[in-house]
């Protein structure tokens, strides 16, 4: 019964995660951001293409869908349900069923899931992310470092093996989704964070 509930929570999380906020917000601007900027359906590209107000709505929506999914999973099954629903939300954001399975990179949703798992570890990870972005202005690099750091801190905090493995898998998924960014960083062609609207 617990396994079935966890699977159900994962499916529900996926359906919630598939409501890709950047694409929904983009519709009100008459713009599919996948056709502009970096082509990524996420916060950073929304900021570049649509501006600050749109980016704020994307931030709010992506964080909320991760939190809501985790709350549902936690209430239904406990920690396993939380992680199943959280994983579903991340997968839904990355490969949304409502948008031809072409979504974002799941950084914000992953961050919200990490906060629901353990806010202390997530807060340390967030501080490292902010530091990296402040020093380099590469949001992608901050996201990659954050994905690596979270499971490492989980080990330091002596979390259980399920927690560590789950955070490592989610972190690895985030890194894989940033493979094109990694290439651009190494080539020196990665776009740096800017608060200017780049849509012509």
Protein backbone atom coordinates (compact mmCIF):
# COMPACT_ATOMS: atom_id res chain seq x y z
CA UNK A 1 0.00 0.00 0.00
CA UNK A 2 2.80 2.40 0.91
CA UNK A 3 4.59 1.64 -2.35
CA UNK A 4 1.44 2.29 -4.39
CA UNK A 5 0.84 5.57 -2.57
CA UNK A 6 4.45 6.61 -3.24
CA UNK A 7 4.03 5.84 -6.95
CA UNK A 8 0.80 7.82 -6.99
CA UNK A 9 2.56 10.75 -5.30
CA UNK A 10 5.31 10.56 -7.90
CA UNK A 11 2.77 10.69 -10.73
CA UNK A 12 0.91 13.57 -9.10
CA UNK A 13 4.21 15.39 -8.60
CA UNK A 14 5.04 14.85 -12.27
CA UNK A 15 1.71 16.34 -13.38
CA UNK A 16 2.22 19.36 -11.13
CA UNK A 17 5.82 19.75 -12.26
CA UNK A 18 4.71 19.63 -15.90
CA UNK A 19 2.99 22.98 -15.41
CA UNK A 20 6.15 24.75 -16.59
CA UNK A 21 5.78 28.25 -15.18
CA UNK A 22 8.14 29.94 -17.64
CA UNK A 23 6.13 28.61 -20.58
CA UNK A 24 2.80 29.54 -18.98
CA UNK A 25 4.03 33.06 -18.17
CA UNK A 26 5.54 33.34 -21.65
CA UNK A 27 2.11 32.76 -23.18
CA UNK A 28 0.87 36.00 -21.56
CA UNK A 29 3.78 37.77 -23.26
CA UNK A 30 3.07 36.05 -26.57
CA UNK A 31 6.49 34.45 -26.36
CA UNK A 32 7.79 30.89 -26.18
CA UNK A 33 11.12 31.44 -24.46
CA UNK A 34 12.37 28.16 -25.87
CA UNK A 35 12.73 30.10 -29.13
CA UNK A 36 14.74 32.94 -27.57
CA UNK A 37 17.91 33.46 -25.57
CA UNK A 38 19.47 30.19 -24.45
CA UNK A 39 16.32 28.26 -25.41
CA UNK A 40 15.93 26.96 -21.86
CA UNK A 41 12.48 27.06 -20.27
CA UNK A 42 13.62 28.29 -16.87
CA UNK A 43 14.14 31.27 -14.60
CA UNK A 44 17.41 32.65 -15.98
CA UNK A 45 16.24 32.65 -19.58
CA UNK A 46 12.89 34.13 -18.49
CA UNK A 47 14.81 36.99 -16.88
CA UNK A 48 16.88 37.55 -20.02
CA UNK A 49 13.97 37.31 -22.45
CA UNK A 50 10.90 38.54 -20.58
CA UNK A 51 12.27 40.71 -17.79
CA UNK A 52 12.13 40.95 -13.99
CA UNK A 53 8.38 40.76 -13.43
CA UNK A 54 8.01 37.63 -15.52
CA UNK A 55 11.08 36.10 -13.85
CA UNK A 56 9.55 36.71 -10.41
CA UNK A 57 6.37 34.87 -11.44
CA UNK A 58 8.47 32.00 -12.78
CA UNK A 59 10.45 31.89 -9.53
CA UNK A 60 7.26 31.80 -7.47
CA UNK A 61 5.57 29.17 -9.60
CA UNK A 62 8.53 26.81 -9.83
CA UNK A 63 9.21 26.95 -6.10
CA UNK A 64 5.55 26.46 -5.19
CA UNK A 65 5.04 23.40 -7.38
CA UNK A 66 8.02 21.72 -5.76
CA UNK A 67 6.81 22.59 -2.25
CA UNK A 68 3.19 21.58 -2.90
CA UNK A 69 4.27 18.26 -4.41
CA UNK A 70 6.47 17.49 -1.42
CA UNK A 71 3.76 18.43 1.09
CA UNK A 72 1.29 16.10 -0.62
CA UNK A 73 3.82 13.28 -0.67
CA UNK A 74 4.82 13.84 2.95
CA UNK A 75 1.24 13.88 4.21
CA UNK A 76 0.34 10.77 2.22
CA UNK A 77 3.37 8.55 2.86
CA UNK A 78 6.04 10.40 4.85
CA UNK A 79 9.63 10.99 3.78
CA UNK A 80 9.50 8.42 0.97
CA UNK A 81 6.37 10.05 -0.39
CA UNK A 82 8.00 13.47 -0.14
CA UNK A 83 10.97 12.32 -2.19
CA UNK A 84 8.81 10.46 -4.72
CA UNK A 85 6.58 13.49 -5.29
CA UNK A 86 9.59 15.81 -5.36
CA UNK A 87 11.33 13.64 -7.94
CA UNK A 88 8.13 13.59 -9.99
CA UNK A 89 7.92 17.41 -9.90
CA UNK A 90 11.51 17.74 -11.09
CA UNK A 91 10.99 15.23 -13.92
CA UNK A 92 7.78 17.00 -14.88
CA UNK A 93 9.53 20.35 -15.03
CA UNK A 94 12.33 18.94 -17.17
CA UNK A 95 10.07 16.89 -19.46
CA UNK A 96 6.57 18.42 -19.18
CA UNK A 97 3.74 16.33 -20.61
CA UNK A 98 1.78 19.49 -21.43
CA UNK A 99 4.59 21.06 -23.49
CA UNK A 100 5.82 18.23 -25.74
CA UNK A 101 8.28 17.04 -23.08
CA UNK A 102 10.56 20.02 -23.65
CA UNK A 103 11.07 21.89 -20.39
CA UNK A 104 13.72 23.45 -18.19
CA UNK A 105 16.64 22.19 -16.15
CA UNK A 106 14.85 21.80 -12.84
CA UNK A 107 17.12 23.94 -10.68
CA UNK A 108 14.42 25.89 -8.84
CA UNK A 109 12.19 22.85 -8.40
CA UNK A 110 15.17 20.80 -7.18
CA UNK A 111 16.07 23.58 -4.74
CA UNK A 112 12.54 23.66 -3.33
CA UNK A 113 12.58 19.87 -2.94
CA UNK A 114 15.95 20.06 -1.18
CA UNK A 115 14.56 22.67 1.22
CA UNK A 116 11.62 20.40 2.00
CA UNK A 117 14.01 17.52 2.66
CA UNK A 118 16.30 19.47 5.03
CA UNK A 119 16.22 23.27 5.14
CA UNK A 120 19.58 23.49 6.96
CA UNK A 121 21.51 21.64 4.26
CA UNK A 122 19.58 23.48 1.55
CA UNK A 123 20.38 26.85 3.15
CA UNK A 124 24.11 26.09 3.17
CA UNK A 125 23.86 24.98 -0.46
CA UNK A 126 21.97 28.16 -1.36
CA UNK A 127 24.68 30.29 0.28
CA UNK A 128 27.33 28.53 -1.80
CA UNK A 129 25.23 29.00 -4.94
CA UNK A 130 24.88 32.74 -4.27
CA UNK A 131 28.61 33.05 -3.62
CA UNK A 132 29.52 31.29 -6.88
CA UNK A 133 27.07 33.40 -8.91
CA UNK A 134 28.25 36.61 -7.22
CA UNK A 135 31.88 35.81 -8.04
CA UNK A 136 31.40 34.52 -11.59
CA UNK A 137 27.92 35.73 -12.69
CA UNK A 138 27.39 32.22 -14.06
CA UNK A 139 24.03 30.95 -12.74
CA UNK A 140 24.69 27.60 -14.40
CA UNK A 141 27.99 27.17 -12.56
CA UNK A 142 26.33 28.02 -9.24
CA UNK A 143 23.63 25.45 -9.99
CA UNK A 144 26.17 22.76 -10.89
CA UNK A 145 28.24 23.39 -7.75
CA UNK A 146 25.06 23.38 -5.66
CA UNK A 147 24.03 20.03 -7.13
CA UNK A 148 27.43 18.59 -6.17
CA UNK A 149 27.54 20.14 -2.71
CA UNK A 150 24.10 19.12 -1.38
CA UNK A 151 24.72 15.33 -1.16
CA UNK A 152 28.22 15.97 0.22
CA UNK A 153 26.79 18.09 3.05
CA UNK A 154 24.14 15.41 3.58
CA UNK A 155 26.96 12.94 4.24
CA UNK A 156 28.59 15.37 6.67
CA UNK A 157 25.24 15.73 8.47
CA UNK A 158 25.11 11.92 8.65
CA UNK A 159 21.76 11.64 6.90
CA UNK A 160 20.42 8.17 6.10
CA UNK A 161 21.47 6.37 2.93
CA UNK A 162 18.11 6.90 1.18
CA UNK A 163 18.37 10.67 1.68
CA UNK A 164 21.96 10.72 0.41
CA UNK A 165 21.29 8.55 -2.65
CA UNK A 166 18.19 10.51 -3.58
CA UNK A 167 19.97 13.86 -3.30
CA UNK A 168 22.90 12.47 -5.31
CA UNK A 169 20.62 11.26 -8.12
CA UNK A 170 18.77 14.58 -8.26
CA UNK A 171 22.09 16.42 -8.22
CA UNK A 172 23.45 14.23 -11.02
CA UNK A 173 20.32 14.88 -13.07
CA UNK A 174 20.82 18.64 -12.66
CA UNK A 175 24.44 18.34 -13.78
CA UNK A 176 23.50 16.27 -16.84
CA UNK A 177 20.85 18.84 -17.77
CA UNK A 178 23.61 21.48 -17.69
CA UNK A 179 26.00 19.62 -20.00
CA UNK A 180 25.70 22.28 -22.73
CA UNK A 181 26.39 24.99 -20.13
CA UNK A 182 29.49 23.12 -18.98
CA UNK A 183 30.80 23.09 -22.57
CA UNK A 184 30.12 26.83 -22.93
CA UNK A 185 31.80 27.61 -19.59
CA UNK A 186 34.90 25.69 -20.67
CA UNK A 187 34.85 27.51 -24.03
CA UNK A 188 34.30 30.90 -22.37
CA UNK A 189 31.03 31.44 -24.27
CA UNK A 190 28.52 31.00 -21.44
CA UNK A 191 26.21 33.99 -20.93
CA UNK A 192 26.62 35.82 -17.63
CA UNK A 193 23.78 36.93 -15.40
CA UNK A 194 22.17 40.16 -16.54
CA UNK A 195 19.02 41.97 -15.47
CA UNK A 196 18.45 43.47 -18.90
CA UNK A 197 15.71 42.24 -21.20
CA UNK A 198 17.35 40.69 -24.26
CA UNK A 199 14.26 39.99 -26.39
CA UNK A 200 14.20 42.06 -29.54
